[in-house]
Protein backbone atom coordinates (compact mmCIF):
# COMPACT_ATOMS: atom_id res chain seq x y z
CA UNK A 1 68.46 224.10 271.32
CA UNK A 2 68.26 223.18 275.19
CA UNK A 3 71.01 225.98 275.92
CA UNK A 4 68.91 228.61 273.78
CA UNK A 5 65.60 227.61 275.66
CA UNK A 6 67.21 227.65 278.77
CA UNK A 7 68.78 231.15 278.25
CA UNK A 8 65.44 232.86 276.94
CA UNK A 9 63.49 231.25 279.65
CA UNK A 10 66.12 232.93 282.19
CA UNK A 11 65.62 236.21 280.22
CA UNK A 12 61.92 236.17 280.12
CA UNK A 13 61.73 235.33 283.82
CA UNK A 14 63.16 238.28 284.41
CA UNK A 15 60.30 240.09 282.78
CA UNK A 16 57.27 238.17 284.41
CA UNK A 17 54.82 238.93 287.28
CA UNK A 18 56.32 235.87 288.86
CA UNK A 19 58.90 232.76 288.01
CA UNK A 20 57.94 230.15 285.46
CA UNK A 21 59.30 226.56 285.02
CA UNK A 22 62.34 226.76 282.26
CA UNK A 23 61.38 225.47 279.24
CA UNK A 24 65.06 223.50 279.46
CA UNK A 25 65.95 222.86 283.61
CA UNK A 26 69.86 222.14 283.59
CA UNK A 27 70.34 222.56 280.00
CA UNK A 28 74.12 223.66 280.78
CA UNK A 29 74.44 220.04 281.09
CA UNK A 30 73.81 219.92 276.96
CA UNK A 31 77.27 221.44 277.14
CA UNK A 32 78.67 218.50 279.19
CA UNK A 33 76.95 215.96 276.33
CA UNK A 34 78.94 218.06 274.00
CA UNK A 35 82.60 217.66 275.45
CA UNK A 36 81.98 213.92 275.69
CA UNK A 37 80.36 213.68 272.26
CA UNK A 38 83.40 215.90 270.77
CA UNK A 39 86.06 213.28 272.43
CA UNK A 40 83.92 210.53 270.50
CA UNK A 41 83.96 212.35 267.08
CA UNK A 42 87.32 213.64 267.43
CA UNK A 43 88.60 209.83 267.76
CA UNK A 44 86.35 208.72 265.15
CA UNK A 45 87.26 211.26 262.62
CA UNK A 46 91.22 211.47 263.45
CA UNK A 47 92.38 208.54 264.89
CA UNK A 48 93.29 206.87 261.86
CA UNK A 49 95.28 209.69 260.63
CA UNK A 50 97.12 209.54 264.05
CA UNK A 51 98.00 206.03 263.86
CA UNK A 52 99.10 205.70 260.23
CA UNK A 53 100.86 209.38 260.40
CA UNK A 54 104.70 210.38 261.28
CA UNK A 55 106.16 212.55 262.74
CA UNK A 56 103.81 215.79 263.79
CA UNK A 57 102.20 216.20 260.46
CA UNK A 58 98.88 214.58 261.19
CA UNK A 59 98.89 217.13 264.59
CA UNK A 60 99.11 220.33 262.72
CA UNK A 61 96.64 219.26 259.84
CA UNK A 62 94.20 218.19 262.97
CA UNK A 63 94.71 221.78 264.37
CA UNK A 64 94.33 223.26 260.95
CA UNK A 65 91.23 221.92 260.48
CA UNK A 66 89.59 222.49 264.31
CA UNK A 67 90.87 226.20 263.81
CA UNK A 68 88.91 226.28 260.10
CA UNK A 69 85.91 224.73 262.37
CA UNK A 70 86.02 227.28 265.10
CA UNK A 71 87.45 230.70 263.92
CA UNK A 72 85.94 232.22 261.20
CA UNK A 73 82.31 232.37 263.07
CA UNK A 74 84.09 233.11 266.18
CA UNK A 75 86.07 235.90 264.87
CA UNK A 76 83.04 237.29 262.93
CA UNK A 77 80.50 236.98 265.75
CA UNK A 78 83.32 239.20 267.93
CA UNK A 79 83.85 241.83 265.27
CA UNK A 80 79.98 242.25 264.60
CA UNK A 81 79.67 242.61 268.35
CA UNK A 82 82.32 245.11 268.82
CA UNK A 83 81.12 247.07 265.44
CA UNK A 84 77.54 247.28 266.67
CA UNK A 85 78.31 248.42 270.15
CA UNK A 86 80.56 251.13 268.77
CA UNK A 87 78.01 252.40 266.36
CA UNK A 88 74.97 252.16 268.66
CA UNK A 89 77.18 254.08 271.42
CA UNK A 90 78.22 256.66 268.81
CA UNK A 91 74.86 257.44 267.03
CA UNK A 92 72.42 256.62 270.11
CA UNK A 93 74.36 256.79 273.23
CA UNK A 94 73.61 253.34 274.05
CA UNK A 95 75.47 250.19 274.11
CA UNK A 96 73.21 247.02 273.20
CA UNK A 97 75.86 244.29 274.23
CA UNK A 98 76.77 244.50 278.22
CA UNK A 99 79.42 242.28 277.71
CA UNK A 100 81.57 244.79 275.48
CA UNK A 101 83.39 247.22 277.04
CA UNK A 102 83.90 250.24 275.12
CA UNK A 103 86.61 251.26 277.33
CA UNK A 104 88.91 247.97 276.13
CA UNK A 105 87.11 247.05 273.19
CA UNK A 106 90.30 246.58 270.95
CA UNK A 107 92.24 244.60 273.32
CA UNK A 108 89.25 242.57 274.25
CA UNK A 109 88.53 241.78 270.29
CA UNK A 110 91.97 239.96 270.10
CA UNK A 111 91.95 237.90 273.01
CA UNK A 112 88.04 236.90 272.21
CA UNK A 113 89.34 236.39 268.36
CA UNK A 114 91.84 234.07 269.68
CA UNK A 115 89.37 232.27 271.97
CA UNK A 116 91.35 232.90 275.18
CA UNK A 117 88.65 234.42 277.76
CA UNK A 118 87.46 230.85 278.20
CA UNK A 119 90.72 230.04 279.96
CA UNK A 120 90.88 233.58 282.15
CA UNK A 121 92.55 235.81 279.54
CA UNK A 122 90.66 238.78 278.81
CA UNK A 123 87.20 239.74 279.38
CA UNK A 124 84.56 237.62 277.09
CA UNK A 125 82.48 239.54 274.54
CA UNK A 126 80.22 236.43 273.69
CA UNK A 127 79.58 234.56 276.69
CA UNK A 128 78.64 231.13 275.50
CA UNK A 129 82.26 231.25 273.58
CA UNK A 130 83.95 230.16 276.77
CA UNK A 131 83.15 226.52 275.79
CA UNK A 132 84.93 226.55 272.58
CA UNK A 133 87.99 228.20 274.58
CA UNK A 134 88.16 225.01 276.69
CA UNK A 135 87.53 222.97 273.77
CA UNK A 136 90.46 224.08 271.80
CA UNK A 137 92.52 223.40 274.77
CA UNK A 138 91.30 220.05 274.82
CA UNK A 139 92.57 219.89 271.01
CA UNK A 140 95.80 220.96 272.00
CA UNK A 141 96.08 218.03 274.35
CA UNK A 142 94.79 215.60 271.57
CA UNK A 143 97.98 213.62 270.83
CA UNK A 144 98.57 213.00 274.92
CA UNK A 145 94.86 212.15 275.53
CA UNK A 146 95.05 209.65 272.50
CA UNK A 147 98.16 208.19 273.80
CA UNK A 148 96.56 207.57 277.11
CA UNK A 149 93.05 206.13 275.67
CA UNK A 150 94.60 204.16 273.12
CA UNK A 151 98.05 202.80 274.02
CA UNK A 152 98.57 199.29 274.40
CA UNK A 153 98.78 199.50 278.17
CA UNK A 154 95.10 198.43 279.47
CA UNK A 155 96.46 200.22 283.42
CA UNK A 156 97.07 203.45 281.53
CA UNK A 157 93.64 203.33 279.71
CA UNK A 158 91.92 202.40 283.43
CA UNK A 159 93.84 204.95 285.12
CA UNK A 160 93.04 207.87 282.60
CA UNK A 161 89.33 206.81 282.78
CA UNK A 162 89.15 206.83 286.60
CA UNK A 163 91.34 210.19 286.82
CA UNK A 164 89.02 211.64 284.53
CA UNK A 165 85.95 210.58 286.73
CA UNK A 166 87.70 211.72 289.83
CA UNK A 167 88.16 215.16 288.38
CA UNK A 168 84.72 215.31 287.46
CA UNK A 169 83.29 214.52 291.08
CA UNK A 170 86.14 216.73 292.59
CA UNK A 171 84.73 219.75 290.55
CA UNK A 172 81.26 218.89 291.37
CA UNK A 173 82.13 218.76 295.16
CA UNK A 174 84.65 221.34 295.54
CA UNK A 175 82.99 224.09 293.06
CA UNK A 176 79.06 223.88 293.95
CA UNK A 177 77.07 225.94 295.65
CA UNK A 178 73.39 226.03 296.38
CA UNK A 179 71.02 227.64 294.07
CA UNK A 180 68.87 230.51 295.19
CA UNK A 181 65.99 227.96 295.73
CA UNK A 182 68.47 225.98 297.88
CA UNK A 183 67.23 222.78 296.38
CA UNK A 184 69.82 221.75 294.17
CA UNK A 185 73.37 222.24 293.75
CA UNK A 186 74.85 224.78 290.86
CA UNK A 187 78.49 224.87 289.95
CA UNK A 188 79.64 228.50 289.36
CA UNK A 189 81.77 228.90 286.76
CA UNK A 190 85.55 229.61 286.53
CA UNK A 191 88.17 229.16 283.84
CA UNK A 192 90.32 226.14 285.42
CA UNK A 193 87.15 224.74 286.20
CA UNK A 194 86.09 224.58 283.17
CA UNK A 195 89.10 223.72 281.81
CA UNK A 196 89.09 220.52 283.91
CA UNK A 197 85.51 219.66 283.33
CA UNK A 198 85.71 219.78 279.29
CA UNK A 199 89.44 217.53 279.24
CA UNK A 200 87.58 215.46 281.96
CA UNK A 201 84.55 214.67 279.50
CA UNK A 202 86.75 214.93 276.34
CA UNK A 203 88.96 211.78 277.49
CA UNK A 204 85.68 209.85 278.71
CA UNK A 205 84.34 210.58 275.02
CA UNK A 206 87.68 209.33 273.57
CA UNK A 207 87.35 205.87 275.77
CA UNK A 208 83.62 205.59 274.78
CA UNK A 209 84.95 205.46 271.32
CA UNK A 210 87.46 202.89 272.23
CA UNK A 211 84.20 201.05 273.46
CA UNK A 212 82.52 201.47 270.43
CA UNK A 213 85.47 200.37 268.09
CA UNK A 214 85.94 196.84 270.02
CA UNK A 215 82.04 196.43 269.65
CA UNK A 216 82.41 194.10 272.96
CA UNK A 217 78.94 195.71 273.92
CA UNK A 218 77.57 196.06 270.73
CA UNK A 219 74.08 194.00 271.28
CA UNK A 220 74.24 195.36 274.73
CA UNK A 221 74.29 199.17 273.87
CA UNK A 222 72.73 198.76 269.90
CA UNK A 223 69.18 198.00 271.37
CA UNK A 224 66.53 200.95 271.65
CA UNK A 225 65.65 200.30 275.45
CA UNK A 226 69.00 201.09 276.43
CA UNK A 227 69.08 204.08 274.66
CA UNK A 228 65.88 204.87 275.98
CA UNK A 229 66.97 203.87 279.72
CA UNK A 230 70.01 205.99 279.77
CA UNK A 231 67.95 208.80 278.61
CA UNK A 232 65.04 208.19 280.90
CA UNK A 233 67.52 208.08 283.59
CA UNK A 234 69.01 211.70 282.77
CA UNK A 235 65.64 212.72 282.39
CA UNK A 236 64.56 211.96 285.48
CA UNK A 237 67.25 212.82 287.28
CA UNK A 238 66.94 216.60 285.64
CA UNK A 239 63.23 216.87 287.00
CA UNK A 240 63.85 215.61 290.30
CA UNK A 241 66.46 218.16 290.86
CA UNK A 242 69.43 216.00 291.51
CA UNK A 243 72.99 217.49 291.73
CA UNK A 244 74.84 217.54 288.48
CA UNK A 245 77.36 214.59 289.92
CA UNK A 246 74.55 212.16 289.85
CA UNK A 247 73.98 212.91 285.95
CA UNK A 248 77.63 213.29 284.41
CA UNK A 249 78.24 209.78 284.87
CA UNK A 250 75.23 208.72 282.63
CA UNK A 251 76.43 211.03 279.36
CA UNK A 252 79.22 208.67 278.60
CA UNK A 253 76.63 205.99 278.48
CA UNK A 254 74.15 208.40 276.38
CA UNK A 255 76.82 208.95 273.60
CA UNK A 256 77.72 205.22 273.75
CA UNK A 257 74.15 203.68 273.47
CA UNK A 258 73.23 206.51 270.55
CA UNK A 259 76.23 205.68 268.71
CA UNK A 260 75.42 201.82 268.63
CA UNK A 261 71.54 202.11 268.14
CA UNK A 262 70.28 200.33 264.91
CA UNK A 263 66.58 200.50 265.30
CA UNK A 264 63.89 203.43 265.47
CA UNK A 265 65.82 205.63 267.82
CA UNK A 266 68.87 205.69 265.00
CA UNK A 267 66.22 206.32 262.44
CA UNK A 268 64.69 209.40 264.45
CA UNK A 269 68.24 211.07 265.10
CA UNK A 270 68.91 210.77 260.96
CA UNK A 271 65.65 212.82 259.87
CA UNK A 272 66.29 215.72 258.15
CA UNK A 273 65.44 218.34 260.46
CA UNK A 274 67.34 216.92 263.18
CA UNK A 275 70.63 217.00 260.75
CA UNK A 276 69.93 220.40 259.89
CA UNK A 277 70.23 221.44 263.42
CA UNK A 278 73.15 219.48 264.10
CA UNK A 279 74.36 221.39 260.76
CA UNK A 280 73.94 224.73 262.29
CA UNK A 281 74.30 223.78 266.35
CA UNK A 282 77.50 225.68 266.10
CA UNK A 283 75.87 228.92 264.89
CA UNK A 284 73.10 228.32 267.01
CA UNK A 285 74.83 228.18 270.20
CA UNK A 286 77.39 231.04 269.27
CA UNK A 287 74.89 233.82 268.08
CA UNK A 288 71.86 233.11 270.08
CA UNK A 289 72.84 235.11 273.55
CA UNK A 290 73.13 238.27 272.41
CA UNK A 291 69.76 238.49 270.64
CA UNK A 292 68.34 237.97 274.36
CA UNK A 293 68.93 242.02 275.14
CA UNK A 294 66.97 242.54 271.74
CA UNK A 295 64.13 240.45 272.52
CA UNK A 296 63.55 242.24 275.55
CA UNK A 297 64.00 245.66 274.19
CA UNK A 298 61.24 244.93 271.66
CA UNK A 299 59.12 243.09 274.10
CA UNK A 300 59.19 246.19 276.69
CA UNK A 301 58.49 248.75 273.51
CA UNK A 302 55.01 246.76 272.75
CA UNK A 303 54.29 245.59 276.14
CA UNK A 304 55.54 247.92 278.70
CA UNK A 305 54.25 245.95 281.72
CA UNK A 306 55.45 242.78 283.18
CA UNK A 307 54.34 239.42 281.21
CA UNK A 308 52.35 237.03 282.73
CA UNK A 309 54.18 233.43 283.24
CA UNK A 310 52.42 231.80 280.37
CA UNK A 311 53.02 234.61 278.08
CA UNK A 312 56.73 234.62 279.07
CA UNK A 313 56.84 230.88 278.52
CA UNK A 314 55.21 231.19 274.99
CA UNK A 315 57.68 233.91 274.04
CA UNK A 316 60.73 232.08 275.62
CA UNK A 317 59.42 229.05 272.91
CA UNK A 318 59.03 231.65 269.85
CA UNK A 319 62.63 233.16 270.70
CA UNK A 320 64.02 229.82 270.94
CA UNK A 321 63.02 228.55 267.38
CA UNK A 322 63.18 231.86 266.03
CA UNK A 323 67.09 231.55 266.72
CA UNK A 324 67.25 228.94 263.85
CA UNK A 325 67.13 231.68 261.08
CA UNK A 326 70.09 233.85 262.35
CA UNK A 327 71.90 230.66 262.98
CA UNK A 328 71.29 229.09 259.31
CA UNK A 329 72.18 232.56 257.69
CA UNK A 330 75.45 232.33 259.84
CA UNK A 331 76.31 229.00 258.78
CA UNK A 332 75.99 229.75 255.07
CA UNK A 333 77.34 233.08 254.85
CA UNK A 334 79.94 232.76 257.64
CA UNK A 335 80.88 229.11 258.79
CA UNK A 336 80.97 227.19 255.79
CA UNK A 337 82.87 230.28 253.44
CA UNK A 338 85.53 230.40 256.08
CA UNK A 339 86.35 227.06 256.68
CA UNK A 340 86.51 226.43 253.12
CA UNK A 341 89.11 229.65 252.87
CA UNK A 342 91.24 228.50 255.91
CA UNK A 343 91.34 224.87 254.47
CA UNK A 344 92.01 226.09 250.91
CA UNK A 345 94.90 228.80 252.14
CA UNK A 346 96.70 225.67 254.32
CA UNK A 347 96.48 223.00 251.41
CA UNK A 348 98.16 225.83 249.35
CA UNK A 349 100.92 226.21 251.80
CA UNK A 350 101.05 222.52 252.09
CA UNK A 351 101.53 222.27 247.94
CA UNK A 352 104.06 224.97 248.32
CA UNK A 353 106.12 223.60 250.89
CA UNK A 354 106.06 220.46 248.89
CA UNK A 355 107.05 221.38 245.84
CA UNK A 356 110.16 223.34 247.50
CA UNK A 357 111.17 219.99 248.75
CA UNK A 358 111.21 218.56 245.47
CA UNK A 359 113.24 221.14 244.06
CA UNK A 360 115.81 220.74 246.63
CA UNK A 361 119.15 218.59 245.01
């Protein structure tokens, strides 16, 4: 929701008489939270199968489940954008999606369906999908990361964590430029930078799970005040426009404090509405960006003159909330059925292979 609010704030700011404060400043850090949280959740969910499994079986089952989680919606959104752009161009002579290049749509559709633009291969059709490209690259390296973080050697664990932190610091220091307001550092995207950013934070998420699993700091981090201090520090650094470098070290602490919390913070996070937002979060993230141009078209049609800052901020908030509806639709009709279909096909192939093995003399 923070990313959606940031994007719609930027869209409305381009159509107002003067700028207004973003509804979610520095919300790109929400993606960093996601990378850390993803490492934590992957370990929480799949570590037992890797520890107990033999050979490459757990790894391939892991990749199939992750592909089932990501691919259906990504492919559906890519196909929808290309078909809509082609149809609109043919009927109205207008391409509503600037990221869809009509002269290379076929090649771009293939690379986007395979989640390659985020690692520098092909042109992105749906810009937010860059993060799932680098995320899947981290999945491919998952066994290596597990060996580094959950191996018996404490030295390897410590070196891996320090290397991840050093890589993050290097990214912030070498890939940052002053933003237009000249007040804070804003890193500019590049495929290798994003891949390093994801993998380093993914490793830190695995490290957080190791601490969580050990329960050594359970009493310290389970208190509500710890979650509030960490969250408050992050918000304070963002509002005072500190560089991302100052915020990133708090993100693993945020995941740890929320995962261990057993007070009112945990009860708040478990409410039905927040759980619902968690269910549709992937759809929300992947479908929202392409409604920005539609929102601008409708607003300019109804209100041709530039908007006041107050009205622009109000419309940004309304558009952010309205994105829940297409996200829910795509979750119910694309994401869930697609995941079920891929897993069913994979299960059938595994059963078939087991049957053939059993029939061999």
